[in-house]
Amino acid sequence: MSEKRHRVSRRQFLNYTLTGVGGFMAAGMLMPMVRFALDPVLRPTEDQDMVQVVSVDELTNEPQRFDFKIKQVDAWYESEESRSAWVFKSGDEIVALSPVCKHLGCTVNWNSDPKNPNKFFCPCHYGLYEKDGTNVPGTPPLAPLDRYEQEVKDGYLYLGKAKPRKDG
């Protein structure tokens, strides 16, 4: 057996050293940029605060549209976003429905189609919903309207986030 000595030439040593130092410098510059780009994704989502919308005394059995604004944080940008809700009383219960159609996201209106009275109607593709927000079979929407989280405090209705219904 012949033994070969494995020697590193000066040129190889310099090449290895400069590559290593360059790699550490590149990593040092790239890590803050990567962290900056990924920080909004890694940040835990904040629950939306409940927003005062209307006095409970103003609510009727007929759905009424109420507009309100929420504070929204998108990465580092804070803004106010307009939202709407169809709110009505059903017995002792208060129902707050999202006006966003579950078919393609158009806005539904209450009692706006003369052929289908007392229903929510989506003019985009003729979607229909019952008063309680359940979708009418045979029309484009495949799911019921979302319901807002809600609470009544000091005689006022507060709404939170719209969530998909599990009962529909």
N, C-alpha and C. Protein backbone atom coordinates (compact mmCIF):
# COMPACT_ATOMS: atom_id res chain seq x y z
N MET A 1 0.83 -1.17 0.00
CA MET A 1 0.00 0.00 0.00
C MET A 1 0.87 1.24 0.00
N SER A 2 0.45 2.11 -0.80
CA SER A 2 1.21 3.35 -0.85
C SER A 2 0.43 4.43 -0.13
N GLU A 3 1.17 5.14 0.63
CA GLU A 3 0.54 6.23 1.36
C GLU A 3 0.74 7.51 0.59
N LYS A 4 -0.40 8.18 0.38
CA LYS A 4 -0.31 9.47 -0.28
C LYS A 4 -0.59 10.54 0.76
N ARG A 5 0.23 11.48 0.73
CA ARG A 5 -0.03 12.61 1.63
C ARG A 5 -1.01 13.54 0.95
N HIS A 6 -2.01 13.91 1.70
CA HIS A 6 -3.00 14.83 1.16
C HIS A 6 -2.65 16.21 1.67
N ARG A 7 -2.09 16.97 0.81
CA ARG A 7 -1.70 18.32 1.18
C ARG A 7 -2.60 19.31 0.48
N VAL A 8 -2.88 20.38 1.14
CA VAL A 8 -3.67 21.46 0.58
C VAL A 8 -2.71 22.53 0.09
N SER A 9 -2.85 22.86 -1.16
CA SER A 9 -1.97 23.89 -1.70
C SER A 9 -2.43 25.25 -1.20
N ARG A 10 -1.55 26.25 -1.37
CA ARG A 10 -1.91 27.59 -0.94
C ARG A 10 -3.14 28.09 -1.69
N ARG A 11 -3.20 27.80 -2.96
CA ARG A 11 -4.31 28.25 -3.78
C ARG A 11 -5.63 27.63 -3.28
N GLN A 12 -5.64 26.33 -2.96
CA GLN A 12 -6.84 25.68 -2.44
C GLN A 12 -7.23 26.25 -1.08
N PHE A 13 -6.24 26.48 -0.22
CA PHE A 13 -6.50 27.04 1.11
C PHE A 13 -7.16 28.42 0.98
N LEU A 14 -6.61 29.25 0.11
CA LEU A 14 -7.16 30.58 -0.10
C LEU A 14 -8.58 30.49 -0.68
N ASN A 15 -8.79 29.57 -1.59
CA ASN A 15 -10.12 29.37 -2.20
C ASN A 15 -11.13 28.94 -1.14
N TYR A 16 -10.78 27.97 -0.31
CA TYR A 16 -11.68 27.50 0.76
C TYR A 16 -11.96 28.62 1.76
N THR A 17 -10.96 29.36 2.15
CA THR A 17 -11.11 30.42 3.15
C THR A 17 -12.02 31.53 2.62
N LEU A 18 -11.75 31.97 1.38
CA LEU A 18 -12.57 33.05 0.82
C LEU A 18 -14.01 32.60 0.59
N THR A 19 -14.22 31.36 0.19
CA THR A 19 -15.58 30.84 0.01
C THR A 19 -16.32 30.81 1.35
N GLY A 20 -15.65 30.33 2.39
CA GLY A 20 -16.27 30.28 3.72
C GLY A 20 -16.60 31.66 4.25
N VAL A 21 -15.67 32.59 4.15
CA VAL A 21 -15.90 33.95 4.64
C VAL A 21 -17.02 34.61 3.82
N GLY A 22 -17.00 34.42 2.51
CA GLY A 22 -18.05 34.98 1.65
C GLY A 22 -19.42 34.40 1.99
N GLY A 23 -19.47 33.09 2.29
CA GLY A 23 -20.73 32.46 2.68
C GLY A 23 -21.28 33.03 3.97
N PHE A 24 -20.40 33.23 4.97
CA PHE A 24 -20.84 33.82 6.24
C PHE A 24 -21.33 35.25 6.04
N MET A 25 -20.65 36.01 5.20
CA MET A 25 -21.08 37.38 4.94
C MET A 25 -22.44 37.40 4.23
N ALA A 26 -22.61 36.52 3.24
CA ALA A 26 -23.89 36.46 2.52
C ALA A 26 -25.01 36.05 3.47
N ALA A 27 -24.75 35.06 4.33
CA ALA A 27 -25.77 34.63 5.29
C ALA A 27 -26.11 35.76 6.25
N GLY A 28 -25.09 36.51 6.67
CA GLY A 28 -25.33 37.63 7.57
C GLY A 28 -26.18 38.72 6.95
N MET A 29 -26.06 38.90 5.64
CA MET A 29 -26.87 39.91 4.96
C MET A 29 -28.26 39.38 4.61
N LEU A 30 -28.37 38.12 4.27
CA LEU A 30 -29.64 37.55 3.83
C LEU A 30 -30.60 37.23 4.98
N MET A 31 -30.09 36.85 6.13
CA MET A 31 -30.97 36.45 7.24
C MET A 31 -31.93 37.56 7.67
N PRO A 32 -31.47 38.81 7.84
CA PRO A 32 -32.44 39.86 8.19
C PRO A 32 -33.50 40.07 7.11
N MET A 33 -33.10 39.95 5.83
CA MET A 33 -34.07 40.12 4.75
C MET A 33 -35.10 38.99 4.75
N VAL A 34 -34.66 37.78 4.99
CA VAL A 34 -35.57 36.64 5.04
C VAL A 34 -36.51 36.79 6.23
N ARG A 35 -35.97 37.19 7.37
CA ARG A 35 -36.80 37.39 8.56
C ARG A 35 -37.83 38.50 8.33
N PHE A 36 -37.41 39.58 7.67
CA PHE A 36 -38.31 40.69 7.37
C PHE A 36 -39.45 40.23 6.47
N ALA A 37 -39.15 39.38 5.49
CA ALA A 37 -40.17 38.90 4.56
C ALA A 37 -41.11 37.90 5.22
N LEU A 38 -40.62 37.07 6.12
CA LEU A 38 -41.44 36.02 6.72
C LEU A 38 -42.12 36.44 8.02
N ASP A 39 -41.75 37.56 8.59
CA ASP A 39 -42.30 37.96 9.88
C ASP A 39 -43.82 38.04 9.89
N PRO A 40 -44.48 38.65 8.89
CA PRO A 40 -45.96 38.69 8.93
C PRO A 40 -46.59 37.30 8.88
N VAL A 41 -45.95 36.37 8.20
CA VAL A 41 -46.49 35.02 8.10
C VAL A 41 -46.34 34.29 9.44
N LEU A 42 -45.25 34.53 10.13
CA LEU A 42 -44.97 33.84 11.39
C LEU A 42 -45.69 34.46 12.58
N ARG A 43 -46.15 35.70 12.43
CA ARG A 43 -46.83 36.39 13.52
C ARG A 43 -48.19 35.74 13.77
N PRO A 44 -48.57 35.49 15.02
CA PRO A 44 -49.88 34.90 15.28
C PRO A 44 -51.00 35.86 14.88
N THR A 45 -52.10 35.29 14.38
CA THR A 45 -53.22 36.13 13.97
C THR A 45 -53.92 36.68 15.20
N GLU A 46 -54.30 37.93 15.10
CA GLU A 46 -55.00 38.57 16.21
C GLU A 46 -56.51 38.42 16.00
N ASP A 47 -57.22 38.20 17.09
CA ASP A 47 -58.67 38.14 16.99
C ASP A 47 -59.20 39.55 16.75
N GLN A 48 -60.22 39.62 15.93
CA GLN A 48 -60.82 40.91 15.65
C GLN A 48 -61.62 41.35 16.86
N ASP A 49 -61.49 42.62 17.20
CA ASP A 49 -62.26 43.17 18.31
C ASP A 49 -63.73 43.27 17.92
N MET A 50 -64.58 43.18 18.92
CA MET A 50 -66.01 43.37 18.69
C MET A 50 -66.26 44.86 18.45
N VAL A 51 -67.09 45.16 17.46
CA VAL A 51 -67.37 46.54 17.06
C VAL A 51 -68.83 46.86 17.33
N GLN A 52 -69.09 48.02 17.95
CA GLN A 52 -70.47 48.43 18.21
C GLN A 52 -71.12 48.79 16.88
N VAL A 53 -72.30 48.20 16.62
CA VAL A 53 -72.95 48.39 15.33
C VAL A 53 -74.26 49.16 15.46
N VAL A 54 -75.14 48.73 16.38
CA VAL A 54 -76.48 49.31 16.43
C VAL A 54 -77.07 49.11 17.82
N SER A 55 -78.00 49.98 18.15
CA SER A 55 -78.77 49.81 19.38
C SER A 55 -79.76 48.67 19.18
N VAL A 56 -79.91 47.84 20.18
CA VAL A 56 -80.83 46.69 20.07
C VAL A 56 -82.27 47.16 19.88
N ASP A 57 -82.60 48.35 20.36
CA ASP A 57 -83.95 48.89 20.23
C ASP A 57 -84.33 49.15 18.76
N GLU A 58 -83.34 49.36 17.90
CA GLU A 58 -83.60 49.66 16.49
C GLU A 58 -83.87 48.42 15.65
N LEU A 59 -83.62 47.24 16.20
CA LEU A 59 -83.76 46.01 15.43
C LEU A 59 -85.22 45.60 15.31
N THR A 60 -85.59 45.04 14.15
CA THR A 60 -86.95 44.58 13.89
C THR A 60 -86.90 43.14 13.39
N ASN A 61 -88.06 42.60 13.07
CA ASN A 61 -88.13 41.25 12.50
C ASN A 61 -87.72 41.24 11.03
N GLU A 62 -87.69 42.39 10.41
CA GLU A 62 -87.29 42.53 9.00
C GLU A 62 -85.77 42.78 8.94
N PRO A 63 -85.04 42.03 8.12
CA PRO A 63 -83.59 42.26 8.03
C PRO A 63 -83.26 43.69 7.58
N GLN A 64 -82.34 44.31 8.29
CA GLN A 64 -81.86 45.65 7.96
C GLN A 64 -80.36 45.59 7.76
N ARG A 65 -79.87 46.37 6.81
CA ARG A 65 -78.43 46.40 6.55
C ARG A 65 -77.79 47.49 7.39
N PHE A 66 -76.74 47.11 8.11
CA PHE A 66 -75.97 48.06 8.91
C PHE A 66 -74.52 48.00 8.45
N ASP A 67 -73.95 49.20 8.23
CA ASP A 67 -72.54 49.31 7.85
C ASP A 67 -71.72 49.70 9.06
N PHE A 68 -70.52 49.17 9.15
CA PHE A 68 -69.62 49.49 10.25
C PHE A 68 -68.18 49.34 9.76
N LYS A 69 -67.23 49.81 10.56
CA LYS A 69 -65.82 49.74 10.18
C LYS A 69 -65.05 48.96 11.22
N ILE A 70 -64.08 48.19 10.74
CA ILE A 70 -63.20 47.44 11.63
C ILE A 70 -61.77 47.92 11.41
N LYS A 71 -60.95 47.78 12.43
CA LYS A 71 -59.53 48.07 12.29
C LYS A 71 -58.84 46.80 11.82
N GLN A 72 -58.09 46.92 10.73
CA GLN A 72 -57.44 45.75 10.14
C GLN A 72 -55.93 45.98 10.10
N VAL A 73 -55.17 44.94 10.45
CA VAL A 73 -53.72 44.99 10.38
C VAL A 73 -53.29 44.01 9.31
N ASP A 74 -52.68 44.53 8.25
CA ASP A 74 -52.19 43.70 7.15
C ASP A 74 -50.67 43.85 7.13
N ALA A 75 -49.98 42.85 7.67
CA ALA A 75 -48.53 42.90 7.85
C ALA A 75 -48.22 44.09 8.76
N TRP A 76 -47.63 45.14 8.23
CA TRP A 76 -47.30 46.31 9.05
C TRP A 76 -48.24 47.46 8.80
N TYR A 77 -49.21 47.28 7.91
CA TYR A 77 -50.11 48.37 7.53
C TYR A 77 -51.42 48.25 8.28
N GLU A 78 -51.77 49.30 9.01
CA GLU A 78 -53.04 49.34 9.74
C GLU A 78 -54.02 50.22 8.99
N SER A 79 -55.27 49.74 8.86
CA SER A 79 -56.28 50.51 8.14
C SER A 79 -57.65 50.21 8.71
N GLU A 80 -58.63 50.99 8.26
CA GLU A 80 -60.02 50.72 8.61
C GLU A 80 -60.70 50.17 7.38
N GLU A 81 -61.46 49.10 7.55
CA GLU A 81 -62.16 48.47 6.44
C GLU A 81 -63.65 48.50 6.72
N SER A 82 -64.41 48.84 5.68
CA SER A 82 -65.88 48.89 5.81
C SER A 82 -66.45 47.48 5.71
N ARG A 83 -67.40 47.18 6.55
CA ARG A 83 -68.12 45.91 6.53
C ARG A 83 -69.61 46.20 6.62
N SER A 84 -70.40 45.21 6.28
CA SER A 84 -71.86 45.31 6.38
C SER A 84 -72.41 44.04 7.01
N ALA A 85 -73.60 44.15 7.55
CA ALA A 85 -74.28 42.98 8.12
C ALA A 85 -75.78 43.16 7.94
N TRP A 86 -76.46 42.06 7.65
CA TRP A 86 -77.92 42.03 7.65
C TRP A 86 -78.33 41.54 9.03
N VAL A 87 -79.01 42.40 9.80
CA VAL A 87 -79.34 42.10 11.20
C VAL A 87 -80.85 42.16 11.39
N PHE A 88 -81.38 41.17 12.13
CA PHE A 88 -82.80 41.16 12.45
C PHE A 88 -83.02 40.31 13.70
N LYS A 89 -84.23 40.46 14.25
CA LYS A 89 -84.61 39.64 15.40
C LYS A 89 -85.44 38.47 14.91
N SER A 90 -85.15 37.31 15.48
CA SER A 90 -85.94 36.11 15.21
C SER A 90 -86.39 35.60 16.57
N GLY A 91 -87.55 36.06 17.00
CA GLY A 91 -88.00 35.76 18.36
C GLY A 91 -87.15 36.56 19.34
N ASP A 92 -86.53 35.86 20.29
CA ASP A 92 -85.64 36.53 21.25
C ASP A 92 -84.19 36.57 20.75
N GLU A 93 -83.92 35.86 19.66
CA GLU A 93 -82.55 35.76 19.14
C GLU A 93 -82.28 36.88 18.13
N ILE A 94 -81.05 37.39 18.15
CA ILE A 94 -80.61 38.36 17.16
C ILE A 94 -79.75 37.62 16.15
N VAL A 95 -80.06 37.80 14.87
CA VAL A 95 -79.32 37.14 13.80
C VAL A 95 -78.57 38.21 13.02
N ALA A 96 -77.25 38.01 12.83
CA ALA A 96 -76.42 38.93 12.06
C ALA A 96 -75.72 38.13 10.97
N LEU A 97 -76.13 38.37 9.71
CA LEU A 97 -75.61 37.62 8.57
C LEU A 97 -74.67 38.46 7.72
N SER A 98 -73.67 37.82 7.18
CA SER A 98 -72.76 38.48 6.24
C SER A 98 -73.48 38.65 4.91
N PRO A 99 -73.29 39.78 4.23
CA PRO A 99 -73.94 39.98 2.93
C PRO A 99 -73.16 39.39 1.76
N VAL A 100 -72.10 38.66 2.04
CA VAL A 100 -71.25 38.12 0.97
C VAL A 100 -71.78 36.76 0.53
N CYS A 101 -72.16 36.67 -0.74
CA CYS A 101 -72.69 35.43 -1.31
C CYS A 101 -71.61 34.35 -1.31
N LYS A 102 -71.98 33.14 -0.96
CA LYS A 102 -71.04 32.03 -0.88
C LYS A 102 -70.73 31.42 -2.25
N HIS A 103 -71.35 31.93 -3.31
CA HIS A 103 -71.07 31.41 -4.65
C HIS A 103 -69.80 32.07 -5.20
N LEU A 104 -69.86 33.37 -5.45
CA LEU A 104 -68.69 34.07 -6.00
C LEU A 104 -68.36 35.37 -5.27
N GLY A 105 -68.95 35.59 -4.11
CA GLY A 105 -68.58 36.74 -3.30
C GLY A 105 -69.28 38.04 -3.63
N CYS A 106 -70.36 38.00 -4.38
CA CYS A 106 -71.13 39.21 -4.64
C CYS A 106 -71.93 39.58 -3.38
N THR A 107 -72.56 40.74 -3.40
CA THR A 107 -73.32 41.19 -2.24
C THR A 107 -74.79 40.84 -2.41
N VAL A 108 -75.36 40.20 -1.38
CA VAL A 108 -76.77 39.84 -1.42
C VAL A 108 -77.61 40.98 -0.84
N ASN A 109 -78.85 41.07 -1.31
CA ASN A 109 -79.79 42.07 -0.83
C ASN A 109 -81.06 41.38 -0.35
N TRP A 110 -81.71 42.01 0.61
CA TRP A 110 -82.94 41.44 1.16
C TRP A 110 -84.13 41.92 0.34
N ASN A 111 -84.97 40.96 -0.07
CA ASN A 111 -86.27 41.24 -0.68
C ASN A 111 -86.15 42.13 -1.93
N SER A 112 -85.10 41.94 -2.72
CA SER A 112 -84.90 42.80 -3.89
C SER A 112 -85.37 42.16 -5.20
N ASP A 113 -85.73 40.87 -5.17
CA ASP A 113 -86.21 40.19 -6.37
C ASP A 113 -87.72 40.02 -6.26
N PRO A 114 -88.50 40.66 -7.16
CA PRO A 114 -89.96 40.55 -7.08
C PRO A 114 -90.48 39.12 -7.24
N LYS A 115 -89.73 38.27 -7.94
CA LYS A 115 -90.16 36.88 -8.14
C LYS A 115 -89.96 36.02 -6.89
N ASN A 116 -89.08 36.46 -6.00
CA ASN A 116 -88.77 35.70 -4.78
C ASN A 116 -88.86 36.62 -3.57
N PRO A 117 -90.06 36.92 -3.10
CA PRO A 117 -90.19 37.82 -1.95
C PRO A 117 -89.69 37.17 -0.67
N ASN A 118 -89.27 38.02 0.26
CA ASN A 118 -88.80 37.61 1.58
C ASN A 118 -87.64 36.63 1.52
N LYS A 119 -86.72 36.88 0.60
CA LYS A 119 -85.51 36.07 0.47
C LYS A 119 -84.33 37.00 0.21
N PHE A 120 -83.14 36.54 0.58
CA PHE A 120 -81.93 37.24 0.19
C PHE A 120 -81.63 36.85 -1.26
N PHE A 121 -81.30 37.85 -2.09
CA PHE A 121 -81.10 37.62 -3.52
C PHE A 121 -79.72 38.13 -3.92
N CYS A 122 -78.99 37.30 -4.67
CA CYS A 122 -77.70 37.69 -5.21
C CYS A 122 -77.89 37.95 -6.71
N PRO A 123 -77.73 39.19 -7.17
CA PRO A 123 -78.00 39.52 -8.57
C PRO A 123 -76.94 39.00 -9.55
N CYS A 124 -75.79 38.59 -9.07
CA CYS A 124 -74.72 38.14 -9.98
C CYS A 124 -75.10 36.89 -10.76
N HIS A 125 -75.58 35.87 -10.06
CA HIS A 125 -75.95 34.61 -10.71
C HIS A 125 -77.28 34.08 -10.19
N TYR A 126 -78.11 34.98 -9.71
CA TYR A 126 -79.46 34.66 -9.25
C TYR A 126 -79.47 33.65 -8.09
N GLY A 127 -78.57 33.86 -7.16
CA GLY A 127 -78.54 33.02 -5.96
C GLY A 127 -79.61 33.46 -4.98
N LEU A 128 -80.17 32.49 -4.26
CA LEU A 128 -81.22 32.78 -3.28
C LEU A 128 -80.87 32.17 -1.93
N TYR A 129 -81.25 32.90 -0.88
CA TYR A 129 -81.10 32.44 0.49
C TYR A 129 -82.41 32.70 1.23
N GLU A 130 -82.75 31.81 2.14
CA GLU A 130 -83.91 32.03 3.01
C GLU A 130 -83.60 33.15 3.99
N LYS A 131 -84.58 33.57 4.75
CA LYS A 131 -84.39 34.66 5.71
C LYS A 131 -83.33 34.32 6.75
N ASP A 132 -83.25 33.04 7.15
CA ASP A 132 -82.26 32.65 8.16
C ASP A 132 -80.86 32.47 7.57
N GLY A 133 -80.69 32.70 6.26
CA GLY A 133 -79.38 32.62 5.63
C GLY A 133 -79.06 31.30 4.96
N THR A 134 -79.96 30.30 5.08
CA THR A 134 -79.68 29.02 4.42
C THR A 134 -79.92 29.16 2.92
N ASN A 135 -79.06 28.51 2.16
CA ASN A 135 -79.15 28.60 0.70
C ASN A 135 -80.33 27.78 0.18
N VAL A 136 -80.97 28.30 -0.87
CA VAL A 136 -82.11 27.63 -1.49
C VAL A 136 -81.56 26.57 -2.44
N PRO A 137 -81.97 25.30 -2.29
CA PRO A 137 -81.48 24.25 -3.19
C PRO A 137 -81.84 24.56 -4.65
N GLY A 138 -80.93 24.22 -5.55
CA GLY A 138 -81.16 24.45 -6.97
C GLY A 138 -80.69 25.81 -7.45
N THR A 139 -80.15 26.64 -6.55
CA THR A 139 -79.57 27.93 -6.94
C THR A 139 -78.06 27.84 -6.76
N PRO A 140 -77.29 28.74 -7.38
CA PRO A 140 -75.82 28.60 -7.36
C PRO A 140 -75.14 28.48 -5.99
N PRO A 141 -75.54 29.21 -4.94
CA PRO A 141 -74.80 29.07 -3.68
C PRO A 141 -74.88 27.66 -3.11
N LEU A 142 -73.74 27.15 -2.68
CA LEU A 142 -73.70 25.79 -2.13
C LEU A 142 -73.62 25.77 -0.61
N ALA A 143 -73.56 26.94 0.01
CA ALA A 143 -73.44 27.01 1.46
C ALA A 143 -74.27 28.19 1.98
N PRO A 144 -74.67 28.15 3.25
CA PRO A 144 -75.43 29.27 3.82
C PRO A 144 -74.54 30.49 4.05
N LEU A 145 -75.19 31.65 4.21
CA LEU A 145 -74.46 32.87 4.51
C LEU A 145 -73.73 32.74 5.85
N ASP A 146 -72.57 33.35 5.94
CA ASP A 146 -71.81 33.33 7.19
C ASP A 146 -72.54 34.16 8.25
N ARG A 147 -72.34 33.78 9.51
CA ARG A 147 -72.92 34.53 10.63
C ARG A 147 -71.81 35.24 11.39
N TYR A 148 -72.12 36.44 11.82
CA TYR A 148 -71.15 37.20 12.62
C TYR A 148 -71.18 36.73 14.06
N GLU A 149 -69.99 36.72 14.68
CA GLU A 149 -69.93 36.55 16.13
C GLU A 149 -70.58 37.80 16.71
N GLN A 150 -71.32 37.64 17.79
CA GLN A 150 -72.04 38.80 18.32
C GLN A 150 -72.16 38.73 19.82
N GLU A 151 -72.37 39.90 20.40
CA GLU A 151 -72.70 40.00 21.82
C GLU A 151 -73.48 41.29 22.04
N VAL A 152 -74.36 41.25 23.01
CA VAL A 152 -75.14 42.43 23.37
C VAL A 152 -74.61 42.94 24.69
N LYS A 153 -74.25 44.23 24.70
CA LYS A 153 -73.70 44.82 25.91
C LYS A 153 -74.24 46.24 26.04
N ASP A 154 -74.80 46.57 27.18
CA ASP A 154 -75.34 47.90 27.47
C ASP A 154 -76.35 48.36 26.43
N GLY A 155 -77.16 47.43 25.91
CA GLY A 155 -78.20 47.78 24.97
C GLY A 155 -77.74 47.93 23.53
N TYR A 156 -76.49 47.60 23.25
CA TYR A 156 -75.96 47.71 21.90
C TYR A 156 -75.48 46.35 21.39
N LEU A 157 -75.62 46.16 20.09
CA LEU A 157 -75.15 44.93 19.44
C LEU A 157 -73.72 45.16 18.96
N TYR A 158 -72.84 44.26 19.37
CA TYR A 158 -71.44 44.28 18.94
C TYR A 158 -71.21 43.07 18.04
N LEU A 159 -70.55 43.31 16.91
CA LEU A 159 -70.24 42.22 15.98
C LEU A 159 -68.74 42.01 15.88
N GLY A 160 -68.38 40.73 15.68
CA GLY A 160 -66.98 40.37 15.53
C GLY A 160 -66.72 39.88 14.12
N LYS A 161 -66.15 38.70 14.03
CA LYS A 161 -65.76 38.13 12.74
C LYS A 161 -66.89 37.28 12.18
N ALA A 162 -67.05 37.31 10.85
CA ALA A 162 -68.05 36.45 10.19
C ALA A 162 -67.46 35.05 10.06
N LYS A 163 -68.22 34.05 10.50
CA LYS A 163 -67.72 32.68 10.46
C LYS A 163 -68.71 31.79 9.70
N PRO A 164 -68.19 30.82 8.96
CA PRO A 164 -69.08 29.87 8.25
C PRO A 164 -69.96 29.11 9.24
N ARG A 165 -71.16 28.82 8.80
CA ARG A 165 -72.11 28.11 9.66
C ARG A 165 -71.88 26.62 9.57
N LYS A 166 -72.05 25.95 10.69
CA LYS A 166 -71.90 24.49 10.74
C LYS A 166 -73.23 23.79 10.58
N ASP A 167 -74.32 24.56 10.73
CA ASP A 167 -75.66 23.94 10.70
C ASP A 167 -76.26 23.91 9.31
N GLY A 168 -75.59 24.45 8.30
CA GLY A 168 -76.20 24.54 6.99
C GLY A 168 -75.80 23.55 6.02
